[in-house]
Amino acid sequence: MNIIELVVKYRFYYLTGIKITLLLSLGSLLIGTVLGSFISFLKLSKIKFFRIIASIYIELVRGTPMMVQIAMVYFGSYVIMGVDVDGFLAALIAVSLNSAAYVAEIIRSGIQSIDKGQSEASRSLGLSESQTMRHVIFPQAIKNILPALGNEFVTLIKETAVASTIGVADLMKASQIVQSSSFQPFNPLIIVAVIYFIFTFTLSQLIGLFERRLSHND
């Protein structure tokens, strides 16, 4: 059975895998962005305790593999709280928490990339600290933050493949099902690799176009 025949025969598994992969990636990015924004402001806080908490979280998450984090949420939820969490929900929680650490650093670096003179000038004009951040700093930082968030989405699409280890029916799980059903170990992997490449390449091109438009607006 060739690759085209595999795609046609097992299209249900591949289509389901595409849907789950995109839902998991997009959902994790959205949740991670909200949580990461909060963590970034803690990291930028003038209160040392908040900065320490944010730094510990970021270093712990970025210093451990995502596969371990997913397994800890999936199995730990039952061991610690006695709750049997669905595989997709466990993966969504773990990937969102992982993404939040990276998003926090993206937002922090975007805000700190703005010259401090902007903040000093705004304060001298009578704007409060929150008004300065909302009306002066953040609108400029967003040009650095948005392309980086797009790249984070591309990364998530690839990294969510580890969710298959806890039974989530993503693209990687689809390839495993097709492998066992068709007795072909290699061709199903080629199909999944091509699908991942199409997604990531297309998104990368769109992000590049977006960055060029932002540069043109500057």
C-alpha atoms as a PDB file:
ATOM      1  CA  MET A   1       0.000   0.000   0.000  1.00  0.00           C
ATOM      2  CA  ASN A   2       1.542   3.320  -1.089  1.00  0.00           C
ATOM      3  CA  ILE A   3       1.365   6.662   0.700  1.00  0.00           C
ATOM      4  CA  ILE A   4      -1.655   7.986  -1.213  1.00  0.00           C
ATOM      5  CA  GLU A   5      -3.621   4.818  -0.504  1.00  0.00           C
ATOM      6  CA  LEU A   6      -2.724   5.087   3.177  1.00  0.00           C
ATOM      7  CA  VAL A   7      -3.985   8.679   3.304  1.00  0.00           C
ATOM      8  CA  VAL A   8      -7.265   7.744   1.621  1.00  0.00           C
ATOM      9  CA  LYS A   9      -7.901   4.615   3.670  1.00  0.00           C
ATOM     10  CA  TYR A  10      -6.971   6.088   7.042  1.00  0.00           C
ATOM     11  CA  ARG A  11      -8.034   9.684   6.400  1.00  0.00           C
ATOM     12  CA  PHE A  12     -10.361   9.648   9.428  1.00  0.00           C
ATOM     13  CA  TYR A  13      -7.417   9.167  11.805  1.00  0.00           C
ATOM     14  CA  TYR A  14      -5.336  11.824  10.080  1.00  0.00           C
ATOM     15  CA  LEU A  15      -8.180  14.355  10.019  1.00  0.00           C
ATOM     16  CA  THR A  16      -8.897  13.698  13.689  1.00  0.00           C
ATOM     17  CA  GLY A  17      -5.198  14.060  14.445  1.00  0.00           C
ATOM     18  CA  ILE A  18      -5.047  17.397  12.612  1.00  0.00           C
ATOM     19  CA  LYS A  19      -8.064  18.701  14.535  1.00  0.00           C
ATOM     20  CA  ILE A  20      -6.706  17.615  17.924  1.00  0.00           C
ATOM     21  CA  THR A  21      -3.210  18.950  17.202  1.00  0.00           C
ATOM     22  CA  LEU A  22      -4.530  22.370  16.150  1.00  0.00           C
ATOM     23  CA  LEU A  23      -6.975  22.585  19.070  1.00  0.00           C
ATOM     24  CA  LEU A  24      -4.280  21.632  21.549  1.00  0.00           C
ATOM     25  CA  SER A  25      -1.740  24.052  20.068  1.00  0.00           C
ATOM     26  CA  LEU A  26      -4.100  27.018  19.745  1.00  0.00           C
ATOM     27  CA  GLY A  27      -5.753  26.422  23.120  1.00  0.00           C
ATOM     28  CA  SER A  28      -2.375  26.156  24.834  1.00  0.00           C
ATOM     29  CA  LEU A  29      -1.157  29.343  23.165  1.00  0.00           C
ATOM     30  CA  LEU A  30      -4.236  31.313  24.246  1.00  0.00           C
ATOM     31  CA  ILE A  31      -4.132  30.077  27.840  1.00  0.00           C
ATOM     32  CA  GLY A  32      -0.357  30.360  27.926  1.00  0.00           C
ATOM     33  CA  THR A  33      -0.527  33.956  26.687  1.00  0.00           C
ATOM     34  CA  VAL A  34      -2.924  34.989  29.456  1.00  0.00           C
ATOM     35  CA  LEU A  35      -0.924  33.207  32.160  1.00  0.00           C
ATOM     36  CA  GLY A  36       2.394  34.274  30.648  1.00  0.00           C
ATOM     37  CA  SER A  37       1.308  37.926  30.640  1.00  0.00           C
ATOM     38  CA  PHE A  38       0.591  37.703  34.358  1.00  0.00           C
ATOM     39  CA  ILE A  39       3.935  36.013  35.054  1.00  0.00           C
ATOM     40  CA  SER A  40       5.824  38.597  32.973  1.00  0.00           C
ATOM     41  CA  PHE A  41       4.374  41.434  35.041  1.00  0.00           C
ATOM     42  CA  LEU A  42       5.413  39.579  38.194  1.00  0.00           C
ATOM     43  CA  LYS A  43       8.910  39.296  36.720  1.00  0.00           C
ATOM     44  CA  LEU A  44       8.932  43.053  36.047  1.00  0.00           C
ATOM     45  CA  SER A  45       7.468  43.903  39.455  1.00  0.00           C
ATOM     46  CA  LYS A  46       9.316  46.177  41.855  1.00  0.00           C
ATOM     47  CA  ILE A  47       8.537  43.690  44.632  1.00  0.00           C
ATOM     48  CA  LYS A  48      11.446  41.262  44.945  1.00  0.00           C
ATOM     49  CA  PHE A  49       9.276  38.373  46.209  1.00  0.00           C
ATOM     50  CA  PHE A  50       7.133  38.466  43.044  1.00  0.00           C
ATOM     51  CA  ARG A  51      10.231  38.554  40.828  1.00  0.00           C
ATOM     52  CA  ILE A  52      11.678  35.531  42.612  1.00  0.00           C
ATOM     53  CA  ILE A  53       8.445  33.517  42.281  1.00  0.00           C
ATOM     54  CA  ALA A  54       8.193  34.312  38.564  1.00  0.00           C
ATOM     55  CA  SER A  55      11.863  33.468  37.978  1.00  0.00           C
ATOM     56  CA  ILE A  56      11.564  30.129  39.798  1.00  0.00           C
ATOM     57  CA  TYR A  57       8.498  29.176  37.748  1.00  0.00           C
ATOM     58  CA  ILE A  58      10.115  30.118  34.441  1.00  0.00           C
ATOM     59  CA  GLU A  59      13.368  28.289  35.189  1.00  0.00           C
ATOM     60  CA  LEU A  60      11.620  25.152  36.451  1.00  0.00           C
ATOM     61  CA  VAL A  61       9.346  24.892  33.432  1.00  0.00           C
ATOM     62  CA  ARG A  62      12.027  25.697  30.867  1.00  0.00           C
ATOM     63  CA  GLY A  63      14.483  23.370  32.582  1.00  0.00           C
ATOM     64  CA  THR A  64      12.345  20.213  32.401  1.00  0.00           C
ATOM     65  CA  PRO A  65      11.131  18.274  29.312  1.00  0.00           C
ATOM     66  CA  MET A  66       7.545  18.782  28.199  1.00  0.00           C
ATOM     67  CA  MET A  67       7.027  15.010  28.151  1.00  0.00           C
ATOM     68  CA  VAL A  68       7.785  14.884  31.873  1.00  0.00           C
ATOM     69  CA  GLN A  69       5.424  17.790  32.551  1.00  0.00           C
ATOM     70  CA  ILE A  70       2.568  16.125  30.649  1.00  0.00           C
ATOM     71  CA  ALA A  71       3.120  12.852  32.502  1.00  0.00           C
ATOM     72  CA  MET A  72       3.200  14.663  35.854  1.00  0.00           C
ATOM     73  CA  VAL A  73      -0.128  16.400  35.172  1.00  0.00           C
ATOM     74  CA  TYR A  74      -1.755  13.235  33.790  1.00  0.00           C
ATOM     75  CA  PHE A  75      -0.675  10.840  36.529  1.00  0.00           C
ATOM     76  CA  GLY A  76      -0.157  13.385  39.308  1.00  0.00           C
ATOM     77  CA  SER A  77      -3.739  14.644  39.121  1.00  0.00           C
ATOM     78  CA  TYR A  78      -4.947  11.254  40.352  1.00  0.00           C
ATOM     79  CA  VAL A  79      -2.137  10.605  42.827  1.00  0.00           C
ATOM     80  CA  ILE A  80      -2.320  14.062  44.441  1.00  0.00           C
ATOM     81  CA  MET A  81      -5.985  15.060  44.073  1.00  0.00           C
ATOM     82  CA  GLY A  82      -7.680  11.739  43.306  1.00  0.00           C
ATOM     83  CA  VAL A  83      -9.051  13.151  40.038  1.00  0.00           C
ATOM     84  CA  ASP A  84      -8.853  11.107  36.847  1.00  0.00           C
ATOM     85  CA  VAL A  85      -8.081  13.754  34.233  1.00  0.00           C
ATOM     86  CA  ASP A  86      -8.804  13.146  30.546  1.00  0.00           C
ATOM     87  CA  GLY A  87      -5.690  12.843  28.369  1.00  0.00           C
ATOM     88  CA  PHE A  88      -6.535  15.881  26.217  1.00  0.00           C
ATOM     89  CA  LEU A  89      -7.240  18.050  29.264  1.00  0.00           C
ATOM     90  CA  ALA A  90      -4.015  16.923  30.946  1.00  0.00           C
ATOM     91  CA  ALA A  91      -2.044  17.742  27.802  1.00  0.00           C
ATOM     92  CA  LEU A  92      -3.793  21.121  27.465  1.00  0.00           C
ATOM     93  CA  ILE A  93      -2.943  22.035  31.066  1.00  0.00           C
ATOM     94  CA  ALA A  94       0.673  20.888  30.811  1.00  0.00           C
ATOM     95  CA  VAL A  95       1.370  22.503  27.437  1.00  0.00           C
ATOM     96  CA  SER A  96      -0.334  25.742  28.534  1.00  0.00           C
ATOM     97  CA  LEU A  97       1.806  25.904  31.687  1.00  0.00           C
ATOM     98  CA  ASN A  98       4.881  25.195  29.571  1.00  0.00           C
ATOM     99  CA  SER A  99       3.969  27.831  26.998  1.00  0.00           C
ATOM    100  CA  ALA A 100       3.296  30.395  29.738  1.00  0.00           C
ATOM    101  CA  ALA A 101       6.935  30.321  30.804  1.00  0.00           C
ATOM    102  CA  TYR A 102       8.148  31.075  27.277  1.00  0.00           C
ATOM    103  CA  VAL A 103       5.443  33.671  26.631  1.00  0.00           C
ATOM    104  CA  ALA A 104       6.365  35.417  29.897  1.00  0.00           C
ATOM    105  CA  GLU A 105       9.926  35.838  28.659  1.00  0.00           C
ATOM    106  CA  ILE A 106       8.716  37.003  25.239  1.00  0.00           C
ATOM    107  CA  ILE A 107       6.528  39.702  26.782  1.00  0.00           C
ATOM    108  CA  ARG A 108       9.176  40.710  29.330  1.00  0.00           C
ATOM    109  CA  SER A 109      11.860  41.100  26.675  1.00  0.00           C
ATOM    110  CA  GLY A 110       9.418  42.972  24.411  1.00  0.00           C
ATOM    111  CA  ILE A 111       8.608  45.475  27.138  1.00  0.00           C
ATOM    112  CA  GLN A 112      12.231  45.896  28.194  1.00  0.00           C
ATOM    113  CA  SER A 113      13.271  46.477  24.584  1.00  0.00           C
ATOM    114  CA  ILE A 114      11.564  49.889  24.701  1.00  0.00           C
ATOM    115  CA  ASP A 115      13.934  52.691  25.627  1.00  0.00           C
ATOM    116  CA  LYS A 116      13.598  53.799  29.251  1.00  0.00           C
ATOM    117  CA  GLY A 117      13.486  57.395  28.071  1.00  0.00           C
ATOM    118  CA  GLN A 118       9.959  56.744  26.793  1.00  0.00           C
ATOM    119  CA  SER A 119       8.802  55.882  30.293  1.00  0.00           C
ATOM    120  CA  GLU A 120      10.624  58.818  31.878  1.00  0.00           C
ATOM    121  CA  ALA A 121       9.140  61.246  29.344  1.00  0.00           C
ATOM    122  CA  SER A 122       5.632  59.896  29.943  1.00  0.00           C
ATOM    123  CA  ARG A 123       5.966  60.188  33.708  1.00  0.00           C
ATOM    124  CA  SER A 124       7.248  63.743  33.347  1.00  0.00           C
ATOM    125  CA  LEU A 125       4.073  64.568  31.398  1.00  0.00           C
ATOM    126  CA  GLY A 126       1.956  63.423  34.336  1.00  0.00           C
ATOM    127  CA  LEU A 127       1.001  59.910  33.246  1.00  0.00           C
ATOM    128  CA  SER A 128       0.816  57.265  35.962  1.00  0.00           C
ATOM    129  CA  GLU A 129       2.866  54.091  35.784  1.00  0.00           C
ATOM    130  CA  SER A 130      -0.125  52.039  34.587  1.00  0.00           C
ATOM    131  CA  GLN A 131      -1.083  54.694  32.010  1.00  0.00           C
ATOM    132  CA  THR A 132       2.505  54.782  30.737  1.00  0.00           C
ATOM    133  CA  MET A 133       2.523  51.025  30.308  1.00  0.00           C
ATOM    134  CA  ARG A 134      -0.919  50.936  28.646  1.00  0.00           C
ATOM    135  CA  HIS A 135      -0.610  53.917  26.308  1.00  0.00           C
ATOM    136  CA  VAL A 136       3.118  54.276  25.612  1.00  0.00           C
ATOM    137  CA  ILE A 137       5.217  51.189  26.339  1.00  0.00           C
ATOM    138  CA  PHE A 138       2.950  48.278  25.452  1.00  0.00           C
ATOM    139  CA  PRO A 139       1.737  49.614  22.052  1.00  0.00           C
ATOM    140  CA  GLN A 140       5.382  49.828  20.960  1.00  0.00           C
ATOM    141  CA  ALA A 141       6.384  46.502  22.543  1.00  0.00           C
ATOM    142  CA  ILE A 142       3.547  44.670  20.775  1.00  0.00           C
ATOM    143  CA  LYS A 143       5.473  44.912  17.486  1.00  0.00           C
ATOM    144  CA  ASN A 144       8.204  42.773  19.016  1.00  0.00           C
ATOM    145  CA  ILE A 145       5.843  40.502  20.932  1.00  0.00           C
ATOM    146  CA  LEU A 146       3.377  39.431  18.214  1.00  0.00           C
ATOM    147  CA  PRO A 147       5.890  37.853  15.772  1.00  0.00           C
ATOM    148  CA  ALA A 148       7.517  36.001  18.687  1.00  0.00           C
ATOM    149  CA  LEU A 149       4.109  34.685  19.768  1.00  0.00           C
ATOM    150  CA  GLY A 150       3.593  33.449  16.213  1.00  0.00           C
ATOM    151  CA  ASN A 151       6.863  31.551  16.431  1.00  0.00           C
ATOM    152  CA  GLU A 152       5.737  30.104  19.758  1.00  0.00           C
ATOM    153  CA  PHE A 153       2.606  28.776  18.024  1.00  0.00           C
ATOM    154  CA  VAL A 154       4.771  27.106  15.377  1.00  0.00           C
ATOM    155  CA  THR A 155       6.850  25.511  18.125  1.00  0.00           C
ATOM    156  CA  LEU A 156       3.756  24.296  19.980  1.00  0.00           C
ATOM    157  CA  ILE A 157       2.404  22.549  16.888  1.00  0.00           C
ATOM    158  CA  LYS A 158       5.551  20.421  16.796  1.00  0.00           C
ATOM    159  CA  GLU A 159       5.973  19.919  20.539  1.00  0.00           C
ATOM    160  CA  THR A 160       2.400  18.777  21.166  1.00  0.00           C
ATOM    161  CA  ALA A 161       3.382  15.510  19.450  1.00  0.00           C
ATOM    162  CA  VAL A 162       4.490  14.278  22.889  1.00  0.00           C
ATOM    163  CA  ALA A 163       0.819  14.295  23.967  1.00  0.00           C
ATOM    164  CA  SER A 164       0.479  10.986  22.124  1.00  0.00           C
ATOM    165  CA  THR A 165       2.396   9.360  25.001  1.00  0.00           C
ATOM    166  CA  ILE A 166      -0.715   9.647  27.209  1.00  0.00           C
ATOM    167  CA  GLY A 167      -3.125   8.547  24.488  1.00  0.00           C
ATOM    168  CA  VAL A 168      -4.193  11.894  23.027  1.00  0.00           C
ATOM    169  CA  ALA A 169      -5.413  11.301  19.453  1.00  0.00           C
ATOM    170  CA  ASP A 170      -3.155  13.877  17.818  1.00  0.00           C
ATOM    171  CA  LEU A 171      -1.220  13.509  14.571  1.00  0.00           C
ATOM    172  CA  MET A 172       1.520  11.419  16.144  1.00  0.00           C
ATOM    173  CA  LYS A 173      -1.040   9.069  17.662  1.00  0.00           C
ATOM    174  CA  ALA A 174      -2.726   8.820  14.260  1.00  0.00           C
ATOM    175  CA  SER A 175       0.542   7.663  12.713  1.00  0.00           C
ATOM    176  CA  GLN A 176       0.937   5.021  15.434  1.00  0.00           C
ATOM    177  CA  ILE A 177      -2.579   3.704  14.793  1.00  0.00           C
ATOM    178  CA  VAL A 178      -1.967   3.559  11.049  1.00  0.00           C
ATOM    179  CA  GLN A 179       1.388   1.847  11.604  1.00  0.00           C
ATOM    180  CA  SER A 180      -0.203  -0.929  13.635  1.00  0.00           C
ATOM    181  CA  SER A 181      -3.196  -1.295  11.292  1.00  0.00           C
ATOM    182  CA  SER A 182      -1.305  -1.267   7.997  1.00  0.00           C
ATOM    183  CA  PHE A 183       1.842  -3.066   9.220  1.00  0.00           C
ATOM    184  CA  GLN A 184       3.887  -0.290   7.608  1.00  0.00           C
ATOM    185  CA  PRO A 185       6.314   1.333  10.066  1.00  0.00           C
ATOM    186  CA  PHE A 186       7.678   4.088   7.820  1.00  0.00           C
ATOM    187  CA  ASN A 187       5.108   5.479   5.371  1.00  0.00           C
ATOM    188  CA  PRO A 188       2.653   6.700   8.071  1.00  0.00           C
ATOM    189  CA  LEU A 189       5.510   8.716   9.570  1.00  0.00           C
ATOM    190  CA  ILE A 190       6.229  10.326   6.201  1.00  0.00           C
ATOM    191  CA  ILE A 191       2.584  11.410   5.928  1.00  0.00           C
ATOM    192  CA  VAL A 192       2.600  12.964   9.405  1.00  0.00           C
ATOM    193  CA  ALA A 193       5.953  14.664   8.789  1.00  0.00           C
ATOM    194  CA  VAL A 194       4.575  16.245   5.597  1.00  0.00           C
ATOM    195  CA  ILE A 195       1.460  17.484   7.422  1.00  0.00           C
ATOM    196  CA  TYR A 196       3.553  19.013  10.210  1.00  0.00           C
ATOM    197  CA  PHE A 197       5.826  20.634   7.631  1.00  0.00           C
ATOM    198  CA  ILE A 198       2.879  22.141   5.728  1.00  0.00           C
ATOM    199  CA  PHE A 199       1.506  23.674   8.926  1.00  0.00           C
ATOM    200  CA  THR A 200       4.799  25.031  10.235  1.00  0.00           C
ATOM    201  CA  PHE A 201       6.065  26.270   6.874  1.00  0.00           C
ATOM    202  CA  THR A 202       2.794  28.051   6.092  1.00  0.00           C
ATOM    203  CA  LEU A 203       2.687  29.692   9.521  1.00  0.00           C
ATOM    204  CA  SER A 204       6.352  30.701   9.286  1.00  0.00           C
ATOM    205  CA  GLN A 205       5.711  32.383   5.946  1.00  0.00           C
ATOM    206  CA  LEU A 206       2.693  34.243   7.328  1.00  0.00           C
ATOM    207  CA  ILE A 207       4.707  35.374  10.347  1.00  0.00           C
ATOM    208  CA  GLY A 208       7.497  36.579   8.045  1.00  0.00           C
ATOM    209  CA  LEU A 209       4.973  38.545   5.984  1.00  0.00           C
ATOM    210  CA  PHE A 210       3.526  40.043   9.157  1.00  0.00           C
ATOM    211  CA  GLU A 211       6.989  41.079  10.376  1.00  0.00           C
ATOM    212  CA  ARG A 212       7.768  42.727   7.050  1.00  0.00           C
ATOM    213  CA  ARG A 213       4.522  44.700   7.205  1.00  0.00           C
ATOM    214  CA  LEU A 214       5.349  45.846  10.724  1.00  0.00           C
ATOM    215  CA  SER A 215       8.808  46.933   9.570  1.00  0.00           C
ATOM    216  CA  HIS A 216       7.239  48.800   6.647  1.00  0.00           C
ATOM    217  CA  ASN A 217       4.850  50.571   9.040  1.00  0.00           C
ATOM    218  CA  ASP A 218       7.836  51.682  11.111  1.00  0.00           C
END
